[in-house]
Amino acid sequence: MSWINTPESSNIARFKYDNENMVLTVEFNKGGQYNYFDVPESTFASMRIASSKGQYLARNIKGRYRYARV
């Protein structure tokens, strides 16, 4: 479970995925870090190749999966 840095993103600093527990962890440029639970690996894979990680997160993850601030 390695971090994927996103220097091109104005919103997301980096993110990683724990496929055993299906947890997506996102660290934002403004300092917050959140875990999103029960995220399918296919959703993570789509986020990895999305041209805008922030837009993908907003459209496909926020509001669909449980989350908690780390």
N, C-alpha and C. Protein backbone atom coordinates (compact mmCIF):
# COMPACT_ATOMS: atom_id res chain seq x y z
N MET A 1 0.85 -1.19 0.00
CA MET A 1 0.00 0.00 0.00
C MET A 1 0.89 1.24 0.00
N SER A 2 1.30 1.65 -1.16
CA SER A 2 2.17 2.81 -1.30
C SER A 2 1.36 4.05 -1.66
N TRP A 3 1.85 5.19 -1.23
CA TRP A 3 1.21 6.44 -1.58
C TRP A 3 1.42 6.74 -3.06
N ILE A 4 0.40 7.32 -3.66
CA ILE A 4 0.48 7.82 -5.03
C ILE A 4 0.45 9.34 -4.92
N ASN A 5 1.56 9.99 -5.23
CA ASN A 5 1.62 11.44 -5.16
C ASN A 5 0.93 12.05 -6.37
N THR A 6 0.28 13.19 -6.13
CA THR A 6 -0.46 13.86 -7.21
C THR A 6 -0.07 15.34 -7.27
N PRO A 7 1.16 15.63 -7.69
CA PRO A 7 1.60 17.04 -7.73
C PRO A 7 0.80 17.89 -8.71
N GLU A 8 0.13 17.23 -9.66
CA GLU A 8 -0.67 17.98 -10.65
C GLU A 8 -2.03 18.41 -10.10
N SER A 9 -2.42 17.88 -8.95
CA SER A 9 -3.74 18.18 -8.39
C SER A 9 -3.70 19.40 -7.49
N SER A 10 -4.66 20.27 -7.65
CA SER A 10 -4.75 21.45 -6.79
C SER A 10 -5.44 21.13 -5.46
N ASN A 11 -6.03 19.94 -5.35
CA ASN A 11 -6.81 19.57 -4.16
C ASN A 11 -6.21 18.40 -3.39
N ILE A 12 -5.73 17.38 -4.09
CA ILE A 12 -5.27 16.15 -3.46
C ILE A 12 -3.75 16.07 -3.51
N ALA A 13 -3.13 15.88 -2.34
CA ALA A 13 -1.67 15.76 -2.27
C ALA A 13 -1.23 14.35 -2.65
N ARG A 14 -1.94 13.34 -2.12
CA ARG A 14 -1.61 11.95 -2.40
C ARG A 14 -2.74 11.05 -1.92
N PHE A 15 -2.70 9.79 -2.37
CA PHE A 15 -3.71 8.83 -1.94
C PHE A 15 -3.13 7.42 -2.03
N LYS A 16 -3.76 6.51 -1.32
CA LYS A 16 -3.34 5.10 -1.33
C LYS A 16 -4.56 4.23 -1.08
N TYR A 17 -4.39 2.95 -1.37
CA TYR A 17 -5.50 2.01 -1.27
C TYR A 17 -5.05 0.74 -0.56
N ASP A 18 -5.83 0.31 0.40
CA ASP A 18 -5.61 -0.95 1.12
C ASP A 18 -6.62 -1.95 0.56
N ASN A 19 -6.17 -2.81 -0.36
CA ASN A 19 -7.12 -3.71 -1.02
C ASN A 19 -7.65 -4.81 -0.11
N GLU A 20 -6.92 -5.16 0.94
CA GLU A 20 -7.41 -6.18 1.87
C GLU A 20 -8.62 -5.67 2.66
N ASN A 21 -8.57 -4.40 3.04
CA ASN A 21 -9.66 -3.81 3.83
C ASN A 21 -10.57 -2.90 3.02
N MET A 22 -10.24 -2.71 1.73
CA MET A 22 -11.03 -1.86 0.83
C MET A 22 -11.16 -0.42 1.36
N VAL A 23 -10.02 0.13 1.78
CA VAL A 23 -9.99 1.48 2.32
C VAL A 23 -9.13 2.37 1.43
N LEU A 24 -9.72 3.45 0.96
CA LEU A 24 -9.01 4.46 0.19
C LEU A 24 -8.67 5.59 1.16
N THR A 25 -7.38 5.94 1.24
CA THR A 25 -6.95 7.05 2.09
C THR A 25 -6.52 8.19 1.19
N VAL A 26 -7.05 9.37 1.47
CA VAL A 26 -6.76 10.55 0.66
C VAL A 26 -6.21 11.64 1.57
N GLU A 27 -5.09 12.20 1.18
CA GLU A 27 -4.51 13.33 1.90
C GLU A 27 -4.65 14.56 1.02
N PHE A 28 -5.24 15.60 1.60
CA PHE A 28 -5.51 16.82 0.84
C PHE A 28 -4.38 17.83 0.99
N ASN A 29 -4.24 18.70 0.02
CA ASN A 29 -3.19 19.72 0.06
C ASN A 29 -3.32 20.63 1.26
N LYS A 30 -4.52 20.83 1.75
CA LYS A 30 -4.73 21.71 2.90
C LYS A 30 -4.53 20.98 4.23
N GLY A 31 -4.10 19.71 4.16
CA GLY A 31 -3.68 19.03 5.37
C GLY A 31 -4.58 17.94 5.92
N GLY A 32 -5.83 17.87 5.55
CA GLY A 32 -6.71 16.83 6.07
C GLY A 32 -6.42 15.48 5.41
N GLN A 33 -6.64 14.41 6.17
CA GLN A 33 -6.50 13.06 5.63
C GLN A 33 -7.75 12.27 6.00
N TYR A 34 -8.33 11.59 5.00
CA TYR A 34 -9.58 10.86 5.20
C TYR A 34 -9.48 9.44 4.70
N ASN A 35 -10.13 8.54 5.41
CA ASN A 35 -10.31 7.17 4.96
C ASN A 35 -11.72 7.02 4.41
N TYR A 36 -11.84 6.42 3.24
CA TYR A 36 -13.13 6.09 2.64
C TYR A 36 -13.24 4.57 2.65
N PHE A 37 -14.33 4.05 3.21
CA PHE A 37 -14.46 2.63 3.48
C PHE A 37 -15.31 1.90 2.44
N ASP A 38 -14.98 0.62 2.23
CA ASP A 38 -15.71 -0.26 1.32
C ASP A 38 -15.66 0.22 -0.13
N VAL A 39 -14.54 0.82 -0.50
CA VAL A 39 -14.34 1.29 -1.87
C VAL A 39 -13.82 0.12 -2.71
N PRO A 40 -14.51 -0.24 -3.77
CA PRO A 40 -14.05 -1.34 -4.61
C PRO A 40 -12.70 -1.01 -5.28
N GLU A 41 -11.93 -2.04 -5.52
CA GLU A 41 -10.62 -1.85 -6.16
C GLU A 41 -10.78 -1.22 -7.55
N SER A 42 -11.87 -1.53 -8.23
CA SER A 42 -12.10 -0.95 -9.56
C SER A 42 -12.28 0.57 -9.48
N THR A 43 -12.87 1.06 -8.41
CA THR A 43 -13.04 2.51 -8.22
C THR A 43 -11.68 3.16 -7.99
N PHE A 44 -10.86 2.52 -7.16
CA PHE A 44 -9.50 3.00 -6.94
C PHE A 44 -8.71 3.03 -8.26
N ALA A 45 -8.81 1.95 -9.04
CA ALA A 45 -8.11 1.88 -10.32
C ALA A 45 -8.55 3.00 -11.26
N SER A 46 -9.83 3.31 -11.25
CA SER A 46 -10.33 4.41 -12.10
C SER A 46 -9.82 5.75 -11.61
N MET A 47 -9.70 5.92 -10.30
CA MET A 47 -9.17 7.17 -9.77
C MET A 47 -7.71 7.34 -10.16
N ARG A 48 -6.96 6.24 -10.17
CA ARG A 48 -5.54 6.30 -10.54
C ARG A 48 -5.34 6.85 -11.95
N ILE A 49 -6.23 6.52 -12.86
CA ILE A 49 -6.06 6.95 -14.25
C ILE A 49 -6.88 8.19 -14.62
N ALA A 50 -7.67 8.69 -13.67
CA ALA A 50 -8.49 9.88 -13.95
C ALA A 50 -7.60 11.09 -14.22
N SER A 51 -8.00 11.91 -15.17
CA SER A 51 -7.21 13.10 -15.48
C SER A 51 -7.26 14.12 -14.34
N SER A 52 -8.38 14.15 -13.62
CA SER A 52 -8.52 15.03 -12.45
C SER A 52 -8.91 14.17 -11.25
N LYS A 53 -7.96 13.99 -10.34
CA LYS A 53 -8.22 13.16 -9.16
C LYS A 53 -9.29 13.80 -8.27
N GLY A 54 -9.24 15.12 -8.13
CA GLY A 54 -10.21 15.83 -7.30
C GLY A 54 -11.63 15.71 -7.84
N GLN A 55 -11.78 15.87 -9.15
CA GLN A 55 -13.11 15.73 -9.75
C GLN A 55 -13.61 14.30 -9.62
N TYR A 56 -12.72 13.34 -9.81
CA TYR A 56 -13.13 11.94 -9.69
C TYR A 56 -13.60 11.65 -8.26
N LEU A 57 -12.85 12.14 -7.29
CA LEU A 57 -13.22 11.95 -5.89
C LEU A 57 -14.59 12.56 -5.61
N ALA A 58 -14.80 13.78 -6.06
CA ALA A 58 -16.06 14.48 -5.81
C ALA A 58 -17.25 13.79 -6.48
N ARG A 59 -17.06 13.28 -7.68
CA ARG A 59 -18.17 12.69 -8.44
C ARG A 59 -18.44 11.23 -8.12
N ASN A 60 -17.41 10.48 -7.73
CA ASN A 60 -17.56 9.03 -7.62
C ASN A 60 -17.34 8.44 -6.24
N ILE A 61 -16.82 9.23 -5.31
CA ILE A 61 -16.50 8.68 -4.00
C ILE A 61 -17.21 9.44 -2.88
N LYS A 62 -17.06 10.74 -2.83
CA LYS A 62 -17.73 11.53 -1.79
C LYS A 62 -19.24 11.35 -1.90
N GLY A 63 -19.87 11.12 -0.77
CA GLY A 63 -21.31 10.94 -0.74
C GLY A 63 -21.77 9.53 -1.05
N ARG A 64 -20.86 8.66 -1.48
CA ARG A 64 -21.20 7.27 -1.80
C ARG A 64 -20.64 6.29 -0.79
N TYR A 65 -19.53 6.67 -0.16
CA TYR A 65 -18.85 5.75 0.77
C TYR A 65 -18.70 6.40 2.14
N ARG A 66 -18.77 5.56 3.16
CA ARG A 66 -18.54 6.04 4.53
C ARG A 66 -17.11 6.57 4.60
N TYR A 67 -16.90 7.55 5.43
CA TYR A 67 -15.56 8.11 5.57
C TYR A 67 -15.33 8.57 7.01
N ALA A 68 -14.07 8.75 7.34
CA ALA A 68 -13.69 9.28 8.65
C ALA A 68 -12.38 10.04 8.50
N ARG A 69 -12.27 11.12 9.21
CA ARG A 69 -11.00 11.86 9.23
C ARG A 69 -9.99 11.03 10.03
N VAL A 70 -8.77 10.99 9.53
CA VAL A 70 -7.72 10.21 10.20
C VAL A 70 -7.05 11.08 11.24
